[in-house]
Amino acid sequence: VGGRWGSLAVASPVVDLGGGDVRGV
């Protein structure tokens, strides 16, 4: 949950809080 699409974290920080990783945390 939140980190599955780290690459999109920059565009959708609300949907993903990974931080730029493909998996994140």
Protein backbone atom coordinates (compact mmCIF):
# COMPACT_ATOMS: atom_id res chain seq x y z
CA VAL A 1 0.00 0.00 0.00
CA GLY A 2 1.65 3.20 -1.14
CA GLY A 3 4.91 2.30 -2.81
CA ARG A 4 3.80 -0.08 -5.52
CA TRP A 5 4.45 2.61 -8.11
CA GLY A 6 7.25 4.65 -6.63
CA SER A 7 7.94 6.02 -10.10
CA LEU A 8 4.55 7.73 -9.91
CA ALA A 9 5.21 9.00 -6.42
CA VAL A 10 6.38 12.27 -7.93
CA ALA A 11 3.22 12.63 -9.97
CA SER A 12 0.80 11.06 -7.51
CA PRO A 13 2.17 11.36 -3.97
CA VAL A 14 -1.33 10.77 -2.67
CA VAL A 15 -1.66 7.42 -4.41
CA ASP A 16 1.93 6.36 -3.88
CA LEU A 17 4.35 7.37 -1.16
CA GLY A 18 7.15 5.12 -2.37
CA GLY A 19 9.59 7.90 -3.08
CA GLY A 20 10.69 7.07 -6.61
CA ASP A 21 11.25 3.34 -6.31
CA VAL A 22 9.32 0.79 -8.34
CA ARG A 23 8.19 -0.78 -5.11
CA GLY A 24 8.96 1.80 -2.46
CA VAL A 25 7.59 1.06 1.00
